[in-house]
C-alpha atoms as a PDB file:
ATOM      1  CA  UNK A   1      39.157  59.686 154.556  1.00  0.00           C
ATOM      2  CA  UNK A   2      36.184  59.153 152.201  1.00  0.00           C
ATOM      3  CA  UNK A   3      35.931  56.301 149.805  1.00  0.00           C
ATOM      4  CA  UNK A   4      35.068  58.295 146.406  1.00  0.00           C
ATOM      5  CA  UNK A   5      35.589  56.845 142.849  1.00  0.00           C
ATOM      6  CA  UNK A   6      34.885  58.511 139.638  1.00  0.00           C
ATOM      7  CA  UNK A   7      32.669  56.529 137.163  1.00  0.00           C
ATOM      8  CA  UNK A   8      32.124  58.678 133.993  1.00  0.00           C
ATOM      9  CA  UNK A   9      30.489  61.719 134.750  1.00  0.00           C
ATOM     10  CA  UNK A  10      29.436  60.841 138.103  1.00  0.00           C
ATOM     11  CA  UNK A  11      31.434  60.750 141.720  1.00  0.00           C
ATOM     12  CA  UNK A  12      30.632  57.962 143.780  1.00  0.00           C
ATOM     13  CA  UNK A  13      30.938  58.161 147.571  1.00  0.00           C
ATOM     14  CA  UNK A  14      30.482  55.525 150.023  1.00  0.00           C
ATOM     15  CA  UNK A  15      28.498  56.982 152.959  1.00  0.00           C
ATOM     16  CA  UNK A  16      31.167  57.183 155.908  1.00  0.00           C
ATOM     17  CA  UNK A  17      29.776  56.557 159.563  1.00  0.00           C
ATOM     18  CA  UNK A  18      29.407  60.032 160.787  1.00  0.00           C
ATOM     19  CA  UNK A  19      27.008  60.577 157.943  1.00  0.00           C
ATOM     20  CA  UNK A  20      24.570  57.801 159.211  1.00  0.00           C
ATOM     21  CA  UNK A  21      21.132  59.202 159.335  1.00  0.00           C
ATOM     22  CA  UNK A  22      21.923  62.454 157.773  1.00  0.00           C
ATOM     23  CA  UNK A  23      20.046  62.960 154.393  1.00  0.00           C
ATOM     24  CA  UNK A  24      21.279  64.596 151.059  1.00  0.00           C
ATOM     25  CA  UNK A  25      19.750  68.233 152.225  1.00  0.00           C
ATOM     26  CA  UNK A  26      21.849  68.170 155.450  1.00  0.00           C
ATOM     27  CA  UNK A  27      25.073  66.800 153.383  1.00  0.00           C
ATOM     28  CA  UNK A  28      24.681  69.432 150.701  1.00  0.00           C
ATOM     29  CA  UNK A  29      23.742  72.752 152.725  1.00  0.00           C
ATOM     30  CA  UNK A  30      25.155  71.937 156.188  1.00  0.00           C
ATOM     31  CA  UNK A  31      28.114  69.336 155.886  1.00  0.00           C
ATOM     32  CA  UNK A  32      29.570  70.918 152.390  1.00  0.00           C
ATOM     33  CA  UNK A  33      27.575  74.306 152.775  1.00  0.00           C
ATOM     34  CA  UNK A  34      26.792  74.142 149.296  1.00  0.00           C
ATOM     35  CA  UNK A  35      24.669  77.504 148.229  1.00  0.00           C
ATOM     36  CA  UNK A  36      21.128  76.945 148.099  1.00  0.00           C
ATOM     37  CA  UNK A  37      20.922  77.786 144.432  1.00  0.00           C
ATOM     38  CA  UNK A  38      23.287  75.057 143.574  1.00  0.00           C
ATOM     39  CA  UNK A  39      21.708  72.517 145.752  1.00  0.00           C
ATOM     40  CA  UNK A  40      18.478  73.121 143.977  1.00  0.00           C
ATOM     41  CA  UNK A  41      19.915  72.734 140.941  1.00  0.00           C
ATOM     42  CA  UNK A  42      21.236  69.226 141.653  1.00  0.00           C
ATOM     43  CA  UNK A  43      18.051  68.398 143.352  1.00  0.00           C
ATOM     44  CA  UNK A  44      15.657  69.360 140.581  1.00  0.00           C
ATOM     45  CA  UNK A  45      17.774  67.947 137.662  1.00  0.00           C
ATOM     46  CA  UNK A  46      17.838  64.657 139.695  1.00  0.00           C
ATOM     47  CA  UNK A  47      21.671  64.980 139.421  1.00  0.00           C
ATOM     48  CA  UNK A  48      22.010  62.615 142.523  1.00  0.00           C
ATOM     49  CA  UNK A  49      21.596  58.563 142.980  1.00  0.00           C
ATOM     50  CA  UNK A  50      21.421  56.869 146.009  1.00  0.00           C
ATOM     51  CA  UNK A  51      22.359  52.897 145.392  1.00  0.00           C
ATOM     52  CA  UNK A  52      21.317  53.502 141.783  1.00  0.00           C
ATOM     53  CA  UNK A  53      17.765  55.178 142.144  1.00  0.00           C
ATOM     54  CA  UNK A  54      16.896  58.655 142.235  1.00  0.00           C
ATOM     55  CA  UNK A  55      17.363  60.062 145.442  1.00  0.00           C
ATOM     56  CA  UNK A  56      14.810  60.933 148.245  1.00  0.00           C
ATOM     57  CA  UNK A  57      16.616  64.231 149.605  1.00  0.00           C
ATOM     58  CA  UNK A  58      14.904  63.942 153.302  1.00  0.00           C
ATOM     59  CA  UNK A  59      15.460  60.027 153.484  1.00  0.00           C
ATOM     60  CA  UNK A  60      18.347  59.175 155.930  1.00  0.00           C
ATOM     61  CA  UNK A  61      21.726  57.694 154.809  1.00  0.00           C
ATOM     62  CA  UNK A  62      23.118  54.351 156.136  1.00  0.00           C
ATOM     63  CA  UNK A  63      26.453  53.368 156.292  1.00  0.00           C
ATOM     64  CA  UNK A  64      27.929  51.955 152.882  1.00  0.00           C
ATOM     65  CA  UNK A  65      25.200  53.726 150.955  1.00  0.00           C
ATOM     66  CA  UNK A  66      26.489  54.431 147.349  1.00  0.00           C
ATOM     67  CA  UNK A  67      25.885  57.802 146.673  1.00  0.00           C
ATOM     68  CA  UNK A  68      26.297  58.980 142.874  1.00  0.00           C
ATOM     69  CA  UNK A  69      26.612  62.826 142.104  1.00  0.00           C
ATOM     70  CA  UNK A  70      26.717  64.256 138.343  1.00  0.00           C
ATOM     71  CA  UNK A  71      28.985  66.570 138.737  1.00  0.00           C
ATOM     72  CA  UNK A  72      31.411  66.203 136.062  1.00  0.00           C
ATOM     73  CA  UNK A  73      30.093  67.350 132.511  1.00  0.00           C
ATOM     74  CA  UNK A  74      31.733  69.202 129.523  1.00  0.00           C
ATOM     75  CA  UNK A  75      31.676  72.969 130.453  1.00  0.00           C
ATOM     76  CA  UNK A  76      33.536  74.962 127.707  1.00  0.00           C
ATOM     77  CA  UNK A  77      35.210  77.988 128.766  1.00  0.00           C
ATOM     78  CA  UNK A  78      34.161  81.238 127.073  1.00  0.00           C
ATOM     79  CA  UNK A  79      37.873  82.497 127.767  1.00  0.00           C
ATOM     80  CA  UNK A  80      40.466  81.741 125.143  1.00  0.00           C
ATOM     81  CA  UNK A  81      43.224  79.551 125.702  1.00  0.00           C
ATOM     82  CA  UNK A  82      47.072  80.607 126.238  1.00  0.00           C
ATOM     83  CA  UNK A  83      49.791  78.446 125.076  1.00  0.00           C
ATOM     84  CA  UNK A  84      52.090  78.686 128.008  1.00  0.00           C
ATOM     85  CA  UNK A  85      53.883  75.794 130.195  1.00  0.00           C
ATOM     86  CA  UNK A  86      52.891  75.728 133.646  1.00  0.00           C
ATOM     87  CA  UNK A  87      54.114  73.801 136.603  1.00  0.00           C
ATOM     88  CA  UNK A  88      51.166  71.670 138.342  1.00  0.00           C
ATOM     89  CA  UNK A  89      51.726  70.827 142.031  1.00  0.00           C
ATOM     90  CA  UNK A  90      48.816  68.905 142.623  1.00  0.00           C
ATOM     91  CA  UNK A  91      45.902  67.745 140.206  1.00  0.00           C
ATOM     92  CA  UNK A  92      42.832  65.432 140.459  1.00  0.00           C
ATOM     93  CA  UNK A  93      39.275  65.391 139.194  1.00  0.00           C
ATOM     94  CA  UNK A  94      38.064  68.043 141.511  1.00  0.00           C
ATOM     95  CA  UNK A  95      41.071  70.496 141.852  1.00  0.00           C
ATOM     96  CA  UNK A  96      44.181  71.870 140.419  1.00  0.00           C
ATOM     97  CA  UNK A  97      47.113  73.547 142.262  1.00  0.00           C
ATOM     98  CA  UNK A  98      49.509  75.373 140.137  1.00  0.00           C
ATOM     99  CA  UNK A  99      52.932  77.291 140.550  1.00  0.00           C
ATOM    100  CA  UNK A 100      52.215  80.624 139.260  1.00  0.00           C
ATOM    101  CA  UNK A 101      55.277  82.351 137.835  1.00  0.00           C
ATOM    102  CA  UNK A 102      56.001  86.031 138.412  1.00  0.00           C
ATOM    103  CA  UNK A 103      54.771  88.962 136.094  1.00  0.00           C
ATOM    104  CA  UNK A 104      51.535  86.955 135.093  1.00  0.00           C
ATOM    105  CA  UNK A 105      48.225  88.028 136.193  1.00  0.00           C
ATOM    106  CA  UNK A 106      45.849  85.139 137.878  1.00  0.00           C
ATOM    107  CA  UNK A 107      42.629  86.120 135.655  1.00  0.00           C
ATOM    108  CA  UNK A 108      41.679  88.172 132.947  1.00  0.00           C
ATOM    109  CA  UNK A 109      40.354  91.828 134.335  1.00  0.00           C
ATOM    110  CA  UNK A 110      38.809  92.117 130.653  1.00  0.00           C
ATOM    111  CA  UNK A 111      38.299  88.753 128.853  1.00  0.00           C
ATOM    112  CA  UNK A 112      38.472  90.571 125.642  1.00  0.00           C
ATOM    113  CA  UNK A 113      42.171  91.918 125.846  1.00  0.00           C
ATOM    114  CA  UNK A 114      43.715  90.001 128.967  1.00  0.00           C
ATOM    115  CA  UNK A 115      44.210  86.668 127.254  1.00  0.00           C
ATOM    116  CA  UNK A 116      47.772  85.477 128.762  1.00  0.00           C
ATOM    117  CA  UNK A 117      46.723  84.980 132.194  1.00  0.00           C
ATOM    118  CA  UNK A 118      47.424  82.076 134.492  1.00  0.00           C
ATOM    119  CA  UNK A 119      43.779  81.046 133.909  1.00  0.00           C
ATOM    120  CA  UNK A 120      44.053  81.071 129.964  1.00  0.00           C
ATOM    121  CA  UNK A 121      47.158  78.988 130.701  1.00  0.00           C
ATOM    122  CA  UNK A 122      45.234  76.463 132.761  1.00  0.00           C
ATOM    123  CA  UNK A 123      42.405  75.848 130.417  1.00  0.00           C
ATOM    124  CA  UNK A 124      45.399  75.189 127.520  1.00  0.00           C
ATOM    125  CA  UNK A 125      46.712  72.711 129.563  1.00  0.00           C
ATOM    126  CA  UNK A 126      43.586  70.993 130.352  1.00  0.00           C
ATOM    127  CA  UNK A 127      42.410  71.152 126.633  1.00  0.00           C
ATOM    128  CA  UNK A 128      45.821  69.167 125.642  1.00  0.00           C
ATOM    129  CA  UNK A 129      44.461  66.284 128.012  1.00  0.00           C
ATOM    130  CA  UNK A 130      41.218  66.350 126.746  1.00  0.00           C
ATOM    131  CA  UNK A 131      39.409  68.166 129.560  1.00  0.00           C
ATOM    132  CA  UNK A 132      36.959  70.966 129.100  1.00  0.00           C
ATOM    133  CA  UNK A 133      36.435  72.542 132.448  1.00  0.00           C
ATOM    134  CA  UNK A 134      34.953  75.837 133.370  1.00  0.00           C
ATOM    135  CA  UNK A 135      37.507  76.157 136.255  1.00  0.00           C
ATOM    136  CA  UNK A 136      37.484  78.443 138.922  1.00  0.00           C
ATOM    137  CA  UNK A 137      39.802  80.397 141.027  1.00  0.00           C
ATOM    138  CA  UNK A 138      39.625  79.707 144.780  1.00  0.00           C
ATOM    139  CA  UNK A 139      42.010  82.728 145.814  1.00  0.00           C
ATOM    140  CA  UNK A 140      44.383  84.941 143.845  1.00  0.00           C
ATOM    141  CA  UNK A 141      47.923  86.007 143.957  1.00  0.00           C
ATOM    142  CA  UNK A 142      49.190  89.583 142.760  1.00  0.00           C
ATOM    143  CA  UNK A 143      50.459  89.866 139.341  1.00  0.00           C
ATOM    144  CA  UNK A 144      54.216  89.960 140.547  1.00  0.00           C
ATOM    145  CA  UNK A 145      53.755  87.480 143.374  1.00  0.00           C
ATOM    146  CA  UNK A 146      54.568  83.973 142.684  1.00  0.00           C
ATOM    147  CA  UNK A 147      53.863  80.411 144.094  1.00  0.00           C
ATOM    148  CA  UNK A 148      51.072  77.850 144.803  1.00  0.00           C
ATOM    149  CA  UNK A 149      47.547  79.066 143.937  1.00  0.00           C
ATOM    150  CA  UNK A 150      44.372  76.734 143.894  1.00  0.00           C
ATOM    151  CA  UNK A 151      41.507  76.421 141.293  1.00  0.00           C
ATOM    152  CA  UNK A 152      38.421  74.244 141.514  1.00  0.00           C
ATOM    153  CA  UNK A 153      37.467  72.269 138.440  1.00  0.00           C
ATOM    154  CA  UNK A 154      33.703  72.380 139.118  1.00  0.00           C
ATOM    155  CA  UNK A 155      30.963  74.283 140.581  1.00  0.00           C
ATOM    156  CA  UNK A 156      30.605  71.988 143.719  1.00  0.00           C
ATOM    157  CA  UNK A 157      34.059  71.566 144.498  1.00  0.00           C
ATOM    158  CA  UNK A 158      34.402  75.720 144.001  1.00  0.00           C
ATOM    159  CA  UNK A 159      31.587  76.448 146.471  1.00  0.00           C
ATOM    160  CA  UNK A 160      32.907  74.160 149.096  1.00  0.00           C
ATOM    161  CA  UNK A 161      36.487  75.495 148.820  1.00  0.00           C
ATOM    162  CA  UNK A 162      35.044  78.983 148.865  1.00  0.00           C
ATOM    163  CA  UNK A 163      33.460  78.385 152.312  1.00  0.00           C
ATOM    164  CA  UNK A 164      36.665  76.777 153.545  1.00  0.00           C
ATOM    165  CA  UNK A 165      38.709  79.898 152.632  1.00  0.00           C
ATOM    166  CA  UNK A 166      36.341  82.194 154.272  1.00  0.00           C
ATOM    167  CA  UNK A 167      36.441  80.101 157.314  1.00  0.00           C
ATOM    168  CA  UNK A 168      40.123  80.027 157.379  1.00  0.00           C
ATOM    169  CA  UNK A 169      40.592  76.341 156.603  1.00  0.00           C
ATOM    170  CA  UNK A 170      42.935  77.021 153.792  1.00  0.00           C
ATOM    171  CA  UNK A 171      46.418  77.625 154.918  1.00  0.00           C
ATOM    172  CA  UNK A 172      48.886  79.804 152.601  1.00  0.00           C
ATOM    173  CA  UNK A 173      52.557  80.079 153.895  1.00  0.00           C
ATOM    174  CA  UNK A 174      54.451  82.824 151.924  1.00  0.00           C
ATOM    175  CA  UNK A 175      58.245  83.856 151.795  1.00  0.00           C
ATOM    176  CA  UNK A 176      59.150  87.418 151.773  1.00  0.00           C
ATOM    177  CA  UNK A 177      62.372  89.211 151.240  1.00  0.00           C
ATOM    178  CA  UNK A 178      62.497  92.552 153.033  1.00  0.00           C
ATOM    179  CA  UNK A 179      64.517  95.359 153.619  1.00  0.00           C
ATOM    180  CA  UNK A 180      66.527  95.629 157.055  1.00  0.00           C
ATOM    181  CA  UNK A 181      66.669  93.461 160.190  1.00  0.00           C
ATOM    182  CA  UNK A 182      63.298  92.840 162.137  1.00  0.00           C
ATOM    183  CA  UNK A 183      63.905  93.548 165.932  1.00  0.00           C
ATOM    184  CA  UNK A 184      61.815  90.903 166.836  1.00  0.00           C
ATOM    185  CA  UNK A 185      62.285  87.924 165.082  1.00  0.00           C
ATOM    186  CA  UNK A 186      58.929  86.490 165.431  1.00  0.00           C
ATOM    187  CA  UNK A 187      55.605  87.953 165.816  1.00  0.00           C
ATOM    188  CA  UNK A 188      52.295  88.928 165.109  1.00  0.00           C
ATOM    189  CA  UNK A 189      51.176  92.344 162.912  1.00  0.00           C
ATOM    190  CA  UNK A 190      47.408  93.217 163.897  1.00  0.00           C
ATOM    191  CA  UNK A 191      46.589  96.273 161.905  1.00  0.00           C
ATOM    192  CA  UNK A 192      43.583  97.006 159.955  1.00  0.00           C
ATOM    193  CA  UNK A 193      43.896  97.654 156.415  1.00  0.00           C
ATOM    194  CA  UNK A 194      41.632  99.933 154.165  1.00  0.00           C
ATOM    195  CA  UNK A 195      42.016 101.704 150.509  1.00  0.00           C
ATOM    196  CA  UNK A 196      44.339 104.557 150.337  1.00  0.00           C
ATOM    197  CA  UNK A 197      41.994 107.456 149.057  1.00  0.00           C
ATOM    198  CA  UNK A 198      44.975 109.235 147.283  1.00  0.00           C
ATOM    199  CA  UNK A 199      45.992 106.023 145.259  1.00  0.00           C
ATOM    200  CA  UNK A 200      43.663 103.861 143.483  1.00  0.00           C
ATOM    201  CA  UNK A 201      45.543 100.598 143.883  1.00  0.00           C
ATOM    202  CA  UNK A 202      47.344 101.231 147.048  1.00  0.00           C
ATOM    203  CA  UNK A 203      46.259 100.149 150.617  1.00  0.00           C
ATOM    204  CA  UNK A 204      47.247 101.271 153.921  1.00  0.00           C
ATOM    205  CA  UNK A 205      47.065 100.585 157.447  1.00  0.00           C
ATOM    206  CA  UNK A 206      43.771 102.484 158.709  1.00  0.00           C
ATOM    207  CA  UNK A 207      41.754 102.300 161.765  1.00  0.00           C
ATOM    208  CA  UNK A 208      38.693 102.334 159.582  1.00  0.00           C
ATOM    209  CA  UNK A 209      39.711  99.530 157.409  1.00  0.00           C
ATOM    210  CA  UNK A 210      39.096  95.623 157.466  1.00  0.00           C
ATOM    211  CA  UNK A 211      40.666  93.761 160.348  1.00  0.00           C
ATOM    212  CA  UNK A 212      44.030  91.930 159.281  1.00  0.00           C
ATOM    213  CA  UNK A 213      46.406  89.696 161.023  1.00  0.00           C
ATOM    214  CA  UNK A 214      49.867  88.370 159.788  1.00  0.00           C
ATOM    215  CA  UNK A 215      52.173  86.270 161.761  1.00  0.00           C
ATOM    216  CA  UNK A 216      55.785  86.227 160.882  1.00  0.00           C
ATOM    217  CA  UNK A 217      59.091  84.592 161.362  1.00  0.00           C
ATOM    218  CA  UNK A 218      62.436  85.415 160.333  1.00  0.00           C
ATOM    219  CA  UNK A 219      64.307  82.510 158.936  1.00  0.00           C
ATOM    220  CA  UNK A 220      67.257  84.243 157.583  1.00  0.00           C
ATOM    221  CA  UNK A 221      69.443  87.213 157.406  1.00  0.00           C
ATOM    222  CA  UNK A 222      71.808  88.543 154.693  1.00  0.00           C
ATOM    223  CA  UNK A 223      73.625  91.857 154.696  1.00  0.00           C
ATOM    224  CA  UNK A 224      70.829  94.418 154.779  1.00  0.00           C
ATOM    225  CA  UNK A 225      68.055  91.887 153.941  1.00  0.00           C
ATOM    226  CA  UNK A 226      65.709  89.506 155.771  1.00  0.00           C
ATOM    227  CA  UNK A 227      63.870  86.469 154.497  1.00  0.00           C
ATOM    228  CA  UNK A 228      60.480  86.201 156.385  1.00  0.00           C
ATOM    229  CA  UNK A 229      58.246  83.371 156.589  1.00  0.00           C
ATOM    230  CA  UNK A 230      54.454  85.020 156.754  1.00  0.00           C
ATOM    231  CA  UNK A 231      51.272  83.057 157.439  1.00  0.00           C
ATOM    232  CA  UNK A 232      47.769  84.725 157.350  1.00  0.00           C
ATOM    233  CA  UNK A 233      44.406  84.588 159.353  1.00  0.00           C
ATOM    234  CA  UNK A 234      42.768  87.186 156.903  1.00  0.00           C
ATOM    235  CA  UNK A 235      43.413  87.774 153.293  1.00  0.00           C
ATOM    236  CA  UNK A 236      43.220  91.549 152.695  1.00  0.00           C
ATOM    237  CA  UNK A 237      44.475  92.767 149.279  1.00  0.00           C
ATOM    238  CA  UNK A 238      48.091  93.744 149.583  1.00  0.00           C
ATOM    239  CA  UNK A 239      48.166  92.476 153.285  1.00  0.00           C
ATOM    240  CA  UNK A 240      51.929  91.183 153.642  1.00  0.00           C
ATOM    241  CA  UNK A 241      53.166  93.961 151.732  1.00  0.00           C
ATOM    242  CA  UNK A 242      51.031  96.531 153.726  1.00  0.00           C
ATOM    243  CA  UNK A 243      51.970  95.129 156.924  1.00  0.00           C
ATOM    244  CA  UNK A 244      55.680  94.695 156.784  1.00  0.00           C
ATOM    245  CA  UNK A 245      56.051  98.026 155.209  1.00  0.00           C
ATOM    246  CA  UNK A 246      54.084  99.554 158.082  1.00  0.00           C
ATOM    247  CA  UNK A 247      56.927  97.924 160.364  1.00  0.00           C
ATOM    248  CA  UNK A 248      59.483  99.866 158.469  1.00  0.00           C
ATOM    249  CA  UNK A 249      60.622  96.892 156.399  1.00  0.00           C
ATOM    250  CA  UNK A 250      59.056  96.719 152.961  1.00  0.00           C
ATOM    251  CA  UNK A 251      59.470  94.104 150.432  1.00  0.00           C
ATOM    252  CA  UNK A 252      62.668  94.390 148.194  1.00  0.00           C
ATOM    253  CA  UNK A 253      61.395  95.407 144.616  1.00  0.00           C
ATOM    254  CA  UNK A 254      57.951  96.663 145.890  1.00  0.00           C
ATOM    255  CA  UNK A 255      58.268 100.179 144.958  1.00  0.00           C
ATOM    256  CA  UNK A 256      54.635 100.718 145.561  1.00  0.00           C
ATOM    257  CA  UNK A 257      55.316 100.413 149.471  1.00  0.00           C
ATOM    258  CA  UNK A 258      58.824 101.629 149.921  1.00  0.00           C
ATOM    259  CA  UNK A 259      60.867  98.861 148.628  1.00  0.00           C
ATOM    260  CA  UNK A 260      64.020  99.481 146.395  1.00  0.00           C
ATOM    261  CA  UNK A 261      64.440  98.143 143.211  1.00  0.00           C
ATOM    262  CA  UNK A 262      67.124  95.660 144.299  1.00  0.00           C
ATOM    263  CA  UNK A 263      65.204  93.049 142.083  1.00  0.00           C
ATOM    264  CA  UNK A 264      62.756  92.987 139.475  1.00  0.00           C
ATOM    265  CA  UNK A 265      59.536  92.425 141.324  1.00  0.00           C
ATOM    266  CA  UNK A 266      57.842  92.527 144.694  1.00  0.00           C
ATOM    267  CA  UNK A 267      59.793  89.745 146.629  1.00  0.00           C
ATOM    268  CA  UNK A 268      56.902  87.560 147.655  1.00  0.00           C
ATOM    269  CA  UNK A 269      56.405  83.841 146.962  1.00  0.00           C
ATOM    270  CA  UNK A 270      53.357  81.553 148.172  1.00  0.00           C
ATOM    271  CA  UNK A 271      55.685  78.776 149.109  1.00  0.00           C
ATOM    272  CA  UNK A 272      53.442  76.284 150.687  1.00  0.00           C
ATOM    273  CA  UNK A 273      49.426  75.499 150.539  1.00  0.00           C
ATOM    274  CA  UNK A 274      47.232  73.320 153.031  1.00  0.00           C
ATOM    275  CA  UNK A 275      43.682  72.154 152.510  1.00  0.00           C
ATOM    276  CA  UNK A 276      41.228  69.572 153.114  1.00  0.00           C
ATOM    277  CA  UNK A 277      39.933  67.841 149.962  1.00  0.00           C
ATOM    278  CA  UNK A 278      36.762  68.828 149.246  1.00  0.00           C
ATOM    279  CA  UNK A 279      35.366  65.115 148.944  1.00  0.00           C
ATOM    280  CA  UNK A 280      37.987  62.745 150.324  1.00  0.00           C
ATOM    281  CA  UNK A 281      38.577  64.883 153.480  1.00  0.00           C
ATOM    282  CA  UNK A 282      42.480  63.939 152.703  1.00  0.00           C
ATOM    283  CA  UNK A 283      44.970  66.714 153.839  1.00  0.00           C
ATOM    284  CA  UNK A 284      46.844  67.959 150.815  1.00  0.00           C
ATOM    285  CA  UNK A 285      49.948  70.107 151.139  1.00  0.00           C
ATOM    286  CA  UNK A 286      51.809  71.512 148.223  1.00  0.00           C
ATOM    287  CA  UNK A 287      55.090  73.076 148.168  1.00  0.00           C
ATOM    288  CA  UNK A 288      55.906  75.652 145.441  1.00  0.00           C
ATOM    289  CA  UNK A 289      59.571  75.795 144.092  1.00  0.00           C
ATOM    290  CA  UNK A 290      60.906  79.137 143.515  1.00  0.00           C
ATOM    291  CA  UNK A 291      60.842  79.712 139.559  1.00  0.00           C
ATOM    292  CA  UNK A 292      62.588  82.864 139.151  1.00  0.00           C
ATOM    293  CA  UNK A 293      65.552  83.085 136.881  1.00  0.00           C
ATOM    294  CA  UNK A 294      67.869  84.018 138.248  1.00  0.00           C
ATOM    295  CA  UNK A 295      66.688  83.244 141.889  1.00  0.00           C
ATOM    296  CA  UNK A 296      65.885  85.861 144.201  1.00  0.00           C
ATOM    297  CA  UNK A 297      65.260  83.816 147.270  1.00  0.00           C
ATOM    298  CA  UNK A 298      68.597  82.142 147.863  1.00  0.00           C
ATOM    299  CA  UNK A 299      69.716  79.087 150.068  1.00  0.00           C
ATOM    300  CA  UNK A 300      65.736  78.640 151.202  1.00  0.00           C
ATOM    301  CA  UNK A 301      64.492  75.144 150.839  1.00  0.00           C
ATOM    302  CA  UNK A 302      60.580  75.708 150.646  1.00  0.00           C
ATOM    303  CA  UNK A 303      60.212  71.951 151.293  1.00  0.00           C
ATOM    304  CA  UNK A 304      61.114  72.753 154.961  1.00  0.00           C
ATOM    305  CA  UNK A 305      58.584  75.451 155.417  1.00  0.00           C
END
């Protein structure tokens, strides 16, 4: 775990042993894999100091060198804030994880008309704390899906986490309530997913689609319903919904994919989120409690997932 400390608008990092001999260019472009444009910005605007002086980006770093990076600044978002209480699962200067309620969009599709999204609500929450941050979502959840979702508070954290998501280093575990009882209580669904040319928002299993892999395990059965834990290797749109429906077990409430309206929404909840912190490298594990009223996921302990 790296030793870091915020000092005003600067982040101080004590150079660890495994960075010995690396230089700042390697740190940004290879270790963090920050975009070239963002790296260039930090370099040209002299936003990095080493031991108190403007950095030489090609000079080797040594253990316990003090790296200061100017990453905190007041970036006022152009989006309006939305006064809606949110449940924060984890937060520090770099990231925030929120338990998204159902029936709420993750972000505005049209900033002029969509003013009551989760992103707008987080901006209000941060404003009440005196923070002005142009936050960015790292991944998304469907409007009717609830659970843990990750946002970055500044561009460098966002770029690092985007790369971790692409490389499947951010682990997401879901709970789905589906119709029927699965014959195999544990398995993997490996079926490509593509657009349904007959329906603008629907996806379907298609040989010409993108690779999609979902692992699952039945954790409880109740009458004609099953509660299934799912974790993903890929993050295709509607992946869990499409895959389980293709197996003959659509999500309860998911009318789009053959589910019956036994509950008011598609019964899918992002119960657990795991990732390595972009700077401290600490493993962060967040469990998201069920927040439906009345609950549609009964007798399940998300903290045991």
